[in-house]
Amino acid sequence: RDLARLRNRRVVATILLIALSVMVVRDLLVRRWGPGRAAAPDVTR
């Protein structure tokens, strides 16, 4: 039971890290090669 819990914890952590990596890379690719619209300002005027 202890070994199964450790394995499950490792699998969940690995899946979360892979998902986070995919989202970061996707965001970078979309910003680099996405549509040429201007970025929204960070501060309201």
All heavy atoms as atom14 arrays in JSON, in Angstrom:
{
  "sequence": "RDLARLRNRRVVATILLIALSVMVVRDLLVRRWGPGRAAAPDVTR",
  "atom14_mask": [
    [1, 1, 1, 1, 1, 1, 1, 1, 1, 1, 1, 0, 0, 0],
    [1, 1, 1, 1, 1, 1, 1, 1, 0, 0, 0, 0, 0, 0],
    [1, 1, 1, 1, 1, 1, 1, 1, 0, 0, 0, 0, 0, 0],
    [1, 1, 1, 1, 1, 0, 0, 0, 0, 0, 0, 0, 0, 0],
    [1, 1, 1, 1, 1, 1, 1, 1, 1, 1, 1, 0, 0, 0],
    [1, 1, 1, 1, 1, 1, 1, 1, 0, 0, 0, 0, 0, 0],
    [1, 1, 1, 1, 1, 1, 1, 1, 1, 1, 1, 0, 0, 0],
    [1, 1, 1, 1, 1, 1, 1, 1, 0, 0, 0, 0, 0, 0],
    [1, 1, 1, 1, 1, 1, 1, 1, 1, 1, 1, 0, 0, 0],
    [1, 1, 1, 1, 1, 1, 1, 1, 1, 1, 1, 0, 0, 0],
    [1, 1, 1, 1, 1, 1, 1, 0, 0, 0, 0, 0, 0, 0],
    [1, 1, 1, 1, 1, 1, 1, 0, 0, 0, 0, 0, 0, 0],
    [1, 1, 1, 1, 1, 0, 0, 0, 0, 0, 0, 0, 0, 0],
    [1, 1, 1, 1, 1, 1, 1, 0, 0, 0, 0, 0, 0, 0],
    [1, 1, 1, 1, 1, 1, 1, 1, 0, 0, 0, 0, 0, 0],
    [1, 1, 1, 1, 1, 1, 1, 1, 0, 0, 0, 0, 0, 0],
    [1, 1, 1, 1, 1, 1, 1, 1, 0, 0, 0, 0, 0, 0],
    [1, 1, 1, 1, 1, 1, 1, 1, 0, 0, 0, 0, 0, 0],
    [1, 1, 1, 1, 1, 0, 0, 0, 0, 0, 0, 0, 0, 0],
    [1, 1, 1, 1, 1, 1, 1, 1, 0, 0, 0, 0, 0, 0],
    [1, 1, 1, 1, 1, 1, 0, 0, 0, 0, 0, 0, 0, 0],
    [1, 1, 1, 1, 1, 1, 1, 0, 0, 0, 0, 0, 0, 0],
    [1, 1, 1, 1, 1, 1, 1, 1, 0, 0, 0, 0, 0, 0],
    [1, 1, 1, 1, 1, 1, 1, 0, 0, 0, 0, 0, 0, 0],
    [1, 1, 1, 1, 1, 1, 1, 0, 0, 0, 0, 0, 0, 0],
    [1, 1, 1, 1, 1, 1, 1, 1, 1, 1, 1, 0, 0, 0],
    [1, 1, 1, 1, 1, 1, 1, 1, 0, 0, 0, 0, 0, 0],
    [1, 1, 1, 1, 1, 1, 1, 1, 0, 0, 0, 0, 0, 0],
    [1, 1, 1, 1, 1, 1, 1, 1, 0, 0, 0, 0, 0, 0],
    [1, 1, 1, 1, 1, 1, 1, 0, 0, 0, 0, 0, 0, 0],
    [1, 1, 1, 1, 1, 1, 1, 1, 1, 1, 1, 0, 0, 0],
    [1, 1, 1, 1, 1, 1, 1, 1, 1, 1, 1, 0, 0, 0],
    [1, 1, 1, 1, 1, 1, 1, 1, 1, 1, 1, 1, 1, 1],
    [1, 1, 1, 1, 0, 0, 0, 0, 0, 0, 0, 0, 0, 0],
    [1, 1, 1, 1, 1, 1, 1, 0, 0, 0, 0, 0, 0, 0],
    [1, 1, 1, 1, 0, 0, 0, 0, 0, 0, 0, 0, 0, 0],
    [1, 1, 1, 1, 1, 1, 1, 1, 1, 1, 1, 0, 0, 0],
    [1, 1, 1, 1, 1, 0, 0, 0, 0, 0, 0, 0, 0, 0],
    [1, 1, 1, 1, 1, 0, 0, 0, 0, 0, 0, 0, 0, 0],
    [1, 1, 1, 1, 1, 0, 0, 0, 0, 0, 0, 0, 0, 0],
    [1, 1, 1, 1, 1, 1, 1, 0, 0, 0, 0, 0, 0, 0],
    [1, 1, 1, 1, 1, 1, 1, 1, 0, 0, 0, 0, 0, 0],
    [1, 1, 1, 1, 1, 1, 1, 0, 0, 0, 0, 0, 0, 0],
    [1, 1, 1, 1, 1, 1, 1, 0, 0, 0, 0, 0, 0, 0],
    [1, 1, 1, 1, 1, 1, 1, 1, 1, 1, 1, 0, 0, 0]
  ],
  "atom14_positions": [
    [[0.84, -1.21, 0.0], [0.0, 0.0, 0.0], [0.88, 1.26, 0.0], [0.6, 2.23, -0.69], [-0.92, 0.0, 1.2], [-1.86, 1.19, 1.23], [-2.83, 1.09, 2.37], [-3.77, 0.01, 2.1], [-4.66, -0.43, 2.95], [-4.72, 0.08, 4.16], [-5.48, -1.4, 2.64], [0.0, 0.0, 0.0], [0.0, 0.0, 0.0], [0.0, 0.0, 0.0]],
    [[1.96, 1.26, 0.8], [2.87, 2.4, 0.83], [3.53, 2.61, -0.52], [3.66, 3.75, -0.98], [3.95, 2.2, 1.89], [3.41, 2.25, 3.3], [2.32, 2.83, 3.5], [4.07, 1.7, 4.2], [0.0, 0.0, 0.0], [0.0, 0.0, 0.0], [0.0, 0.0, 0.0], [0.0, 0.0, 0.0], [0.0, 0.0, 0.0], [0.0, 0.0, 0.0]],
    [[3.94, 1.54, -1.15], [4.58, 1.65, -2.46], [3.61, 2.15, -3.51], [3.98, 2.94, -4.38], [5.17, 0.3, -2.87], [6.34, -0.19, -2.02], [6.76, -1.58, -2.45], [7.5, 0.77, -2.08], [0.0, 0.0, 0.0], [0.0, 0.0, 0.0], [0.0, 0.0, 0.0], [0.0, 0.0, 0.0], [0.0, 0.0, 0.0], [0.0, 0.0, 0.0]],
    [[2.35, 1.73, -3.43], [1.34, 2.21, -4.38], [1.1, 3.7, -4.19], [0.95, 4.44, -5.17], [0.05, 1.43, -4.2], [0.0, 0.0, 0.0], [0.0, 0.0, 0.0], [0.0, 0.0, 0.0], [0.0, 0.0, 0.0], [0.0, 0.0, 0.0], [0.0, 0.0, 0.0], [0.0, 0.0, 0.0], [0.0, 0.0, 0.0], [0.0, 0.0, 0.0]],
    [[1.06, 4.17, -2.96], [0.87, 5.6, -2.7], [2.04, 6.41, -3.25], [1.85, 7.47, -3.85], [0.74, 5.86, -1.21], [-0.6, 5.5, -0.66], [-0.68, 5.89, 0.79], [-1.9, 5.39, 1.39], [-2.09, 5.17, 2.67], [-1.12, 5.42, 3.51], [-3.23, 4.72, 3.13], [0.0, 0.0, 0.0], [0.0, 0.0, 0.0], [0.0, 0.0, 0.0]],
    [[3.25, 5.93, -3.03], [4.43, 6.63, -3.55], [4.4, 6.69, -5.08], [4.72, 7.71, -5.68], [5.72, 5.95, -3.07], [6.05, 6.11, -1.59], [7.25, 5.25, -1.23], [6.31, 7.56, -1.27], [0.0, 0.0, 0.0], [0.0, 0.0, 0.0], [0.0, 0.0, 0.0], [0.0, 0.0, 0.0], [0.0, 0.0, 0.0], [0.0, 0.0, 0.0]],
    [[4.04, 5.59, -5.69], [3.98, 5.54, -7.15], [2.91, 6.5, -7.68], [3.14, 7.24, -8.63], [3.69, 4.12, -7.62], [3.8, 3.96, -9.12], [3.55, 2.53, -9.58], [4.26, 1.54, -8.8], [3.67, 0.57, -8.08], [2.36, 0.49, -8.03], [4.39, -0.3, -7.43], [0.0, 0.0, 0.0], [0.0, 0.0, 0.0], [0.0, 0.0, 0.0]],
    [[1.74, 6.5, -7.03], [0.67, 7.41, -7.44], [1.1, 8.87, -7.27], [0.8, 9.71, -8.12], [-0.6, 7.15, -6.63], [-1.27, 5.86, -7.04], [-1.01, 5.33, -8.12], [-2.11, 5.35, -6.17], [0.0, 0.0, 0.0], [0.0, 0.0, 0.0], [0.0, 0.0, 0.0], [0.0, 0.0, 0.0], [0.0, 0.0, 0.0], [0.0, 0.0, 0.0]],
    [[1.77, 9.17, -6.2], [2.24, 10.53, -5.96], [3.23, 10.96, -7.04], [3.18, 12.07, -7.53], [2.89, 10.61, -4.58], [3.2, 12.02, -4.16], [3.74, 12.06, -2.76], [2.71, 11.62, -1.83], [2.95, 11.29, -0.57], [4.16, 11.34, -0.09], [1.97, 10.9, 0.22], [0.0, 0.0, 0.0], [0.0, 0.0, 0.0], [0.0, 0.0, 0.0]],
    [[4.13, 10.05, -7.4], [5.09, 10.36, -8.47], [4.41, 10.56, -9.81], [4.77, 11.45, -10.57], [6.12, 9.24, -8.59], [7.19, 9.31, -7.56], [8.28, 8.32, -7.87], [8.85, 7.85, -6.63], [9.23, 6.62, -6.39], [9.11, 5.71, -7.3], [9.74, 6.3, -5.24], [0.0, 0.0, 0.0], [0.0, 0.0, 0.0], [0.0, 0.0, 0.0]],
    [[3.43, 9.73, -10.1], [2.71, 9.84, -11.38], [1.96, 11.17, -11.45], [2.02, 11.87, -12.47], [1.74, 8.65, -11.56], [0.79, 8.88, -12.71], [2.54, 7.37, -11.78], [0.0, 0.0, 0.0], [0.0, 0.0, 0.0], [0.0, 0.0, 0.0], [0.0, 0.0, 0.0], [0.0, 0.0, 0.0], [0.0, 0.0, 0.0], [0.0, 0.0, 0.0]],
    [[1.29, 11.54, -10.38], [0.54, 12.8, -10.37], [1.5, 13.98, -10.52], [1.25, 14.91, -11.29], [-0.3, 12.92, -9.08], [-0.86, 14.32, -8.92], [-1.41, 11.9, -9.1], [0.0, 0.0, 0.0], [0.0, 0.0, 0.0], [0.0, 0.0, 0.0], [0.0, 0.0, 0.0], [0.0, 0.0, 0.0], [0.0, 0.0, 0.0], [0.0, 0.0, 0.0]],
    [[2.61, 13.96, -9.8], [3.58, 15.04, -9.9], [4.16, 15.14, -11.3], [4.32, 16.23, -11.85], [4.7, 14.84, -8.88], [0.0, 0.0, 0.0], [0.0, 0.0, 0.0], [0.0, 0.0, 0.0], [0.0, 0.0, 0.0], [0.0, 0.0, 0.0], [0.0, 0.0, 0.0], [0.0, 0.0, 0.0], [0.0, 0.0, 0.0], [0.0, 0.0, 0.0]],
    [[4.45, 14.0, -11.92], [4.99, 14.0, -13.28], [3.98, 14.55, -14.27], [4.32, 15.36, -15.14], [5.39, 12.56, -13.67], [6.35, 12.08, -12.72], [5.98, 12.52, -15.05], [0.0, 0.0, 0.0], [0.0, 0.0, 0.0], [0.0, 0.0, 0.0], [0.0, 0.0, 0.0], [0.0, 0.0, 0.0], [0.0, 0.0, 0.0], [0.0, 0.0, 0.0]],
    [[2.73, 14.14, -14.15], [1.69, 14.63, -15.06], [1.52, 16.14, -14.91], [1.39, 16.87, -15.89], [0.36, 13.89, -14.81], [0.49, 12.45, -15.3], [-0.8, 14.58, -15.5], [-0.68, 11.56, -14.93], [0.0, 0.0, 0.0], [0.0, 0.0, 0.0], [0.0, 0.0, 0.0], [0.0, 0.0, 0.0], [0.0, 0.0, 0.0], [0.0, 0.0, 0.0]],
    [[1.53, 16.64, -13.67], [1.4, 18.08, -13.45], [2.58, 18.85, -14.04], [2.4, 19.91, -14.65], [1.27, 18.38, -11.96], [-0.06, 17.99, -11.32], [-0.01, 18.22, -9.81], [-1.19, 18.78, -11.93], [0.0, 0.0, 0.0], [0.0, 0.0, 0.0], [0.0, 0.0, 0.0], [0.0, 0.0, 0.0], [0.0, 0.0, 0.0], [0.0, 0.0, 0.0]],
    [[3.78, 18.34, -13.88], [4.95, 19.01, -14.46], [4.91, 19.02, -15.98], [5.25, 20.02, -16.62], [6.24, 18.34, -13.97], [6.64, 18.66, -12.54], [7.83, 17.82, -12.11], [6.96, 20.13, -12.4], [0.0, 0.0, 0.0], [0.0, 0.0, 0.0], [0.0, 0.0, 0.0], [0.0, 0.0, 0.0], [0.0, 0.0, 0.0], [0.0, 0.0, 0.0]],
    [[4.48, 17.91, -16.58], [4.37, 17.85, -18.04], [3.31, 18.83, -18.53], [3.52, 19.56, -19.5], [4.08, 16.42, -18.5], [5.31, 15.53, -18.27], [3.67, 16.38, -19.96], [5.06, 14.07, -18.48], [0.0, 0.0, 0.0], [0.0, 0.0, 0.0], [0.0, 0.0, 0.0], [0.0, 0.0, 0.0], [0.0, 0.0, 0.0], [0.0, 0.0, 0.0]],
    [[2.17, 18.87, -17.85], [1.1, 19.79, -18.24], [1.56, 21.24, -18.12], [1.3, 22.07, -19.0], [-0.14, 19.56, -17.38], [0.0, 0.0, 0.0], [0.0, 0.0, 0.0], [0.0, 0.0, 0.0], [0.0, 0.0, 0.0], [0.0, 0.0, 0.0], [0.0, 0.0, 0.0], [0.0, 0.0, 0.0], [0.0, 0.0, 0.0], [0.0, 0.0, 0.0]],
    [[2.26, 21.57, -17.06], [2.77, 22.93, -16.88], [3.77, 23.28, -17.99], [3.73, 24.37, -18.56], [3.43, 23.06, -15.51], [4.0, 24.42, -15.16], [2.89, 25.46, -15.09], [4.73, 24.35, -13.84], [0.0, 0.0, 0.0], [0.0, 0.0, 0.0], [0.0, 0.0, 0.0], [0.0, 0.0, 0.0], [0.0, 0.0, 0.0], [0.0, 0.0, 0.0]],
    [[4.65, 22.35, -18.31], [5.62, 22.58, -19.37], [4.94, 22.8, -20.71], [5.32, 23.69, -21.47], [6.59, 21.39, -19.47], [7.25, 21.2, -18.26], [0.0, 0.0, 0.0], [0.0, 0.0, 0.0], [0.0, 0.0, 0.0], [0.0, 0.0, 0.0], [0.0, 0.0, 0.0], [0.0, 0.0, 0.0], [0.0, 0.0, 0.0], [0.0, 0.0, 0.0]],
    [[3.95, 21.99, -21.01], [3.22, 22.13, -22.28], [2.54, 23.49, -22.35], [2.57, 24.16, -23.38], [2.2, 20.99, -22.44], [1.22, 21.26, -23.57], [2.94, 19.67, -22.68], [0.0, 0.0, 0.0], [0.0, 0.0, 0.0], [0.0, 0.0, 0.0], [0.0, 0.0, 0.0], [0.0, 0.0, 0.0], [0.0, 0.0, 0.0], [0.0, 0.0, 0.0]],
    [[1.93, 23.93, -21.25], [1.25, 25.22, -21.26], [2.23, 26.38, -21.44], [1.94, 27.34, -22.16], [0.44, 25.41, -19.97], [-0.81, 24.56, -19.93], [-1.88, 24.94, -18.54], [-0.96, 24.18, -17.22], [0.0, 0.0, 0.0], [0.0, 0.0, 0.0], [0.0, 0.0, 0.0], [0.0, 0.0, 0.0], [0.0, 0.0, 0.0], [0.0, 0.0, 0.0]],
    [[3.4, 26.3, -20.82], [4.4, 27.35, -20.97], [4.91, 27.41, -22.4], [5.0, 28.47, -23.01], [5.57, 27.13, -19.97], [6.74, 28.02, -20.31], [5.1, 27.39, -18.55], [0.0, 0.0, 0.0], [0.0, 0.0, 0.0], [0.0, 0.0, 0.0], [0.0, 0.0, 0.0], [0.0, 0.0, 0.0], [0.0, 0.0, 0.0], [0.0, 0.0, 0.0]],
    [[5.24, 26.25, -22.97], [5.74, 26.22, -24.34], [4.67, 26.7, -25.31], [4.94, 27.47, -26.24], [6.23, 24.8, -24.71], [6.51, 24.67, -26.2], [7.47, 24.45, -23.9], [0.0, 0.0, 0.0], [0.0, 0.0, 0.0], [0.0, 0.0, 0.0], [0.0, 0.0, 0.0], [0.0, 0.0, 0.0], [0.0, 0.0, 0.0], [0.0, 0.0, 0.0]],
    [[3.44, 26.28, -25.1], [2.34, 26.73, -25.96], [2.18, 28.24, -25.91], [2.02, 28.91, -26.93], [1.05, 26.05, -25.55], [-0.14, 26.43, -26.38], [-1.43, 25.88, -25.76], [-2.57, 26.58, -26.26], [-3.05, 27.72, -25.77], [-2.45, 28.3, -24.76], [-4.11, 28.3, -26.29], [0.0, 0.0, 0.0], [0.0, 0.0, 0.0], [0.0, 0.0, 0.0]],
    [[2.25, 28.8, -24.71], [2.13, 30.24, -24.54], [3.26, 30.97, -25.27], [3.03, 31.97, -25.95], [2.14, 30.59, -23.06], [1.88, 32.07, -22.82], [0.88, 32.58, -23.35], [2.68, 32.7, -22.11], [0.0, 0.0, 0.0], [0.0, 0.0, 0.0], [0.0, 0.0, 0.0], [0.0, 0.0, 0.0], [0.0, 0.0, 0.0], [0.0, 0.0, 0.0]],
    [[4.47, 30.46, -25.15], [5.6, 31.09, -25.84], [5.45, 31.01, -27.35], [5.71, 31.99, -28.06], [6.91, 30.42, -25.41], [7.35, 30.68, -23.97], [8.56, 29.83, -23.64], [7.64, 32.14, -23.76], [0.0, 0.0, 0.0], [0.0, 0.0, 0.0], [0.0, 0.0, 0.0], [0.0, 0.0, 0.0], [0.0, 0.0, 0.0], [0.0, 0.0, 0.0]],
    [[5.02, 29.87, -27.86], [4.85, 29.73, -29.3], [3.74, 30.63, -29.83], [3.88, 31.24, -30.89], [4.56, 28.27, -29.65], [5.72, 27.29, -29.44], [5.26, 25.86, -29.71], [6.9, 27.64, -30.3], [0.0, 0.0, 0.0], [0.0, 0.0, 0.0], [0.0, 0.0, 0.0], [0.0, 0.0, 0.0], [0.0, 0.0, 0.0], [0.0, 0.0, 0.0]],
    [[2.65, 30.73, -29.09], [1.54, 31.58, -29.53], [1.97, 33.04, -29.53], [1.66, 33.79, -30.45], [0.31, 31.36, -28.62], [-0.73, 32.44, -28.83], [-0.3, 30.0, -28.91], [0.0, 0.0, 0.0], [0.0, 0.0, 0.0], [0.0, 0.0, 0.0], [0.0, 0.0, 0.0], [0.0, 0.0, 0.0], [0.0, 0.0, 0.0], [0.0, 0.0, 0.0]],
    [[2.72, 33.45, -28.51], [3.18, 34.84, -28.47], [4.19, 35.12, -29.58], [4.22, 36.22, -30.12], [3.82, 35.16, -27.12], [2.82, 35.29, -26.01], [3.53, 35.51, -24.7], [2.6, 35.39, -23.6], [2.37, 36.38, -22.74], [2.98, 37.51, -22.86], [1.51, 36.2, -21.78], [0.0, 0.0, 0.0], [0.0, 0.0, 0.0], [0.0, 0.0, 0.0]],
    [[5.01, 34.15, -29.91], [6.05, 34.37, -30.92], [5.47, 34.34, -32.33], [5.79, 35.18, -33.15], [7.14, 33.29, -30.76], [8.2, 33.3, -31.81], [9.08, 34.54, -31.68], [10.18, 34.52, -32.61], [10.16, 35.09, -33.81], [9.08, 35.69, -34.23], [11.21, 35.05, -34.58], [0.0, 0.0, 0.0], [0.0, 0.0, 0.0], [0.0, 0.0, 0.0]],
    [[4.66, 33.33, -32.63], [4.17, 33.15, -33.99], [2.67, 33.31, -34.11], [2.07, 32.87, -35.08], [4.59, 31.79, -34.53], [6.05, 31.73, -34.81], [6.71, 32.39, -35.78], [7.04, 30.97, -34.11], [8.04, 32.1, -35.72], [8.28, 31.22, -34.71], [6.98, 30.09, -33.03], [9.45, 30.64, -34.27], [8.16, 29.51, -32.6], [9.36, 29.79, -33.21]],
    [[2.05, 33.9, -33.11], [0.61, 34.1, -33.14], [0.23, 35.28, -34.03], [1.05, 35.87, -34.72], [0.0, 0.0, 0.0], [0.0, 0.0, 0.0], [0.0, 0.0, 0.0], [0.0, 0.0, 0.0], [0.0, 0.0, 0.0], [0.0, 0.0, 0.0], [0.0, 0.0, 0.0], [0.0, 0.0, 0.0], [0.0, 0.0, 0.0], [0.0, 0.0, 0.0]],
    [[-1.05, 35.63, -34.03], [-1.5, 36.76, -34.81], [-0.79, 38.05, -34.39], [-0.39, 38.21, -33.25], [-3.0, 36.84, -34.53], [-3.29, 35.87, -33.47], [-2.11, 35.01, -33.26], [0.0, 0.0, 0.0], [0.0, 0.0, 0.0], [0.0, 0.0, 0.0], [0.0, 0.0, 0.0], [0.0, 0.0, 0.0], [0.0, 0.0, 0.0], [0.0, 0.0, 0.0]],
    [[-0.69, 38.98, -35.33], [0.1, 40.19, -35.1], [-0.62, 41.3, -34.38], [-0.31, 42.45, -34.58], [0.0, 0.0, 0.0], [0.0, 0.0, 0.0], [0.0, 0.0, 0.0], [0.0, 0.0, 0.0], [0.0, 0.0, 0.0], [0.0, 0.0, 0.0], [0.0, 0.0, 0.0], [0.0, 0.0, 0.0], [0.0, 0.0, 0.0], [0.0, 0.0, 0.0]],
    [[-1.55, 40.99, -33.51], [-2.24, 42.04, -32.78], [-1.36, 42.55, -31.65], [-0.52, 41.83, -31.11], [-3.58, 41.56, -32.24], [-3.44, 40.48, -31.22], [-4.8, 39.98, -30.78], [-4.57, 38.85, -29.9], [-5.17, 38.68, -28.76], [-6.08, 39.52, -28.37], [-4.89, 37.64, -28.02], [0.0, 0.0, 0.0], [0.0, 0.0, 0.0], [0.0, 0.0, 0.0]],
    [[-1.59, 43.79, -31.28], [-0.79, 44.4, -30.22], [-1.19, 43.82, -28.86], [-2.34, 43.48, -28.63], [-1.0, 45.91, -30.22], [0.0, 0.0, 0.0], [0.0, 0.0, 0.0], [0.0, 0.0, 0.0], [0.0, 0.0, 0.0], [0.0, 0.0, 0.0], [0.0, 0.0, 0.0], [0.0, 0.0, 0.0], [0.0, 0.0, 0.0], [0.0, 0.0, 0.0]],
    [[-0.22, 43.75, -27.99], [-0.49, 43.24, -26.65], [-1.28, 44.27, -25.86], [-1.11, 45.47, -26.03], [0.83, 42.92, -25.94], [0.0, 0.0, 0.0], [0.0, 0.0, 0.0], [0.0, 0.0, 0.0], [0.0, 0.0, 0.0], [0.0, 0.0, 0.0], [0.0, 0.0, 0.0], [0.0, 0.0, 0.0], [0.0, 0.0, 0.0], [0.0, 0.0, 0.0]],
    [[-2.14, 43.79, -25.0], [-2.92, 44.67, -24.15], [-2.02, 45.34, -23.12], [-1.09, 44.71, -22.61], [-4.02, 43.89, -23.45], [0.0, 0.0, 0.0], [0.0, 0.0, 0.0], [0.0, 0.0, 0.0], [0.0, 0.0, 0.0], [0.0, 0.0, 0.0], [0.0, 0.0, 0.0], [0.0, 0.0, 0.0], [0.0, 0.0, 0.0], [0.0, 0.0, 0.0]],
    [[-2.26, 46.59, -22.82], [-1.41, 47.26, -21.82], [-1.64, 46.67, -20.44], [-2.73, 46.23, -20.1], [-1.85, 48.72, -21.89], [-3.23, 48.67, -22.45], [-3.28, 47.47, -23.36], [0.0, 0.0, 0.0], [0.0, 0.0, 0.0], [0.0, 0.0, 0.0], [0.0, 0.0, 0.0], [0.0, 0.0, 0.0], [0.0, 0.0, 0.0], [0.0, 0.0, 0.0]],
    [[-0.59, 46.69, -19.64], [-0.69, 46.16, -18.3], [-1.34, 47.15, -17.33], [-1.88, 46.78, -16.31], [0.69, 45.8, -17.76], [1.29, 44.61, -18.5], [0.5, 43.86, -19.08], [2.51, 44.45, -18.49], [0.0, 0.0, 0.0], [0.0, 0.0, 0.0], [0.0, 0.0, 0.0], [0.0, 0.0, 0.0], [0.0, 0.0, 0.0], [0.0, 0.0, 0.0]],
    [[-1.27, 48.42, -17.66], [-1.78, 49.45, -16.77], [-2.91, 50.19, -17.48], [-2.83, 50.51, -18.65], [-0.67, 50.45, -16.43], [-1.17, 51.51, -15.46], [0.53, 49.74, -15.84], [0.0, 0.0, 0.0], [0.0, 0.0, 0.0], [0.0, 0.0, 0.0], [0.0, 0.0, 0.0], [0.0, 0.0, 0.0], [0.0, 0.0, 0.0], [0.0, 0.0, 0.0]],
    [[-3.98, 50.44, -16.76], [-5.08, 51.19, -17.34], [-4.77, 52.68, -17.26], [-4.16, 53.15, -16.29], [-6.4, 50.89, -16.62], [-6.25, 51.21, -15.24], [-6.8, 49.44, -16.79], [0.0, 0.0, 0.0], [0.0, 0.0, 0.0], [0.0, 0.0, 0.0], [0.0, 0.0, 0.0], [0.0, 0.0, 0.0], [0.0, 0.0, 0.0], [0.0, 0.0, 0.0]],
    [[-5.18, 53.43, -18.24], [-4.93, 54.87, -18.27], [-6.24, 55.61, -18.05], [-7.27, 55.22, -18.57], [-4.35, 55.26, -19.63], [-3.02, 54.64, -19.87], [-2.49, 55.09, -21.2], [-1.26, 54.35, -21.48], [-0.77, 54.18, -22.68], [-1.39, 54.68, -23.72], [0.34, 53.52, -22.84], [0.0, 0.0, 0.0], [0.0, 0.0, 0.0], [0.0, 0.0, 0.0]]
  ]
}
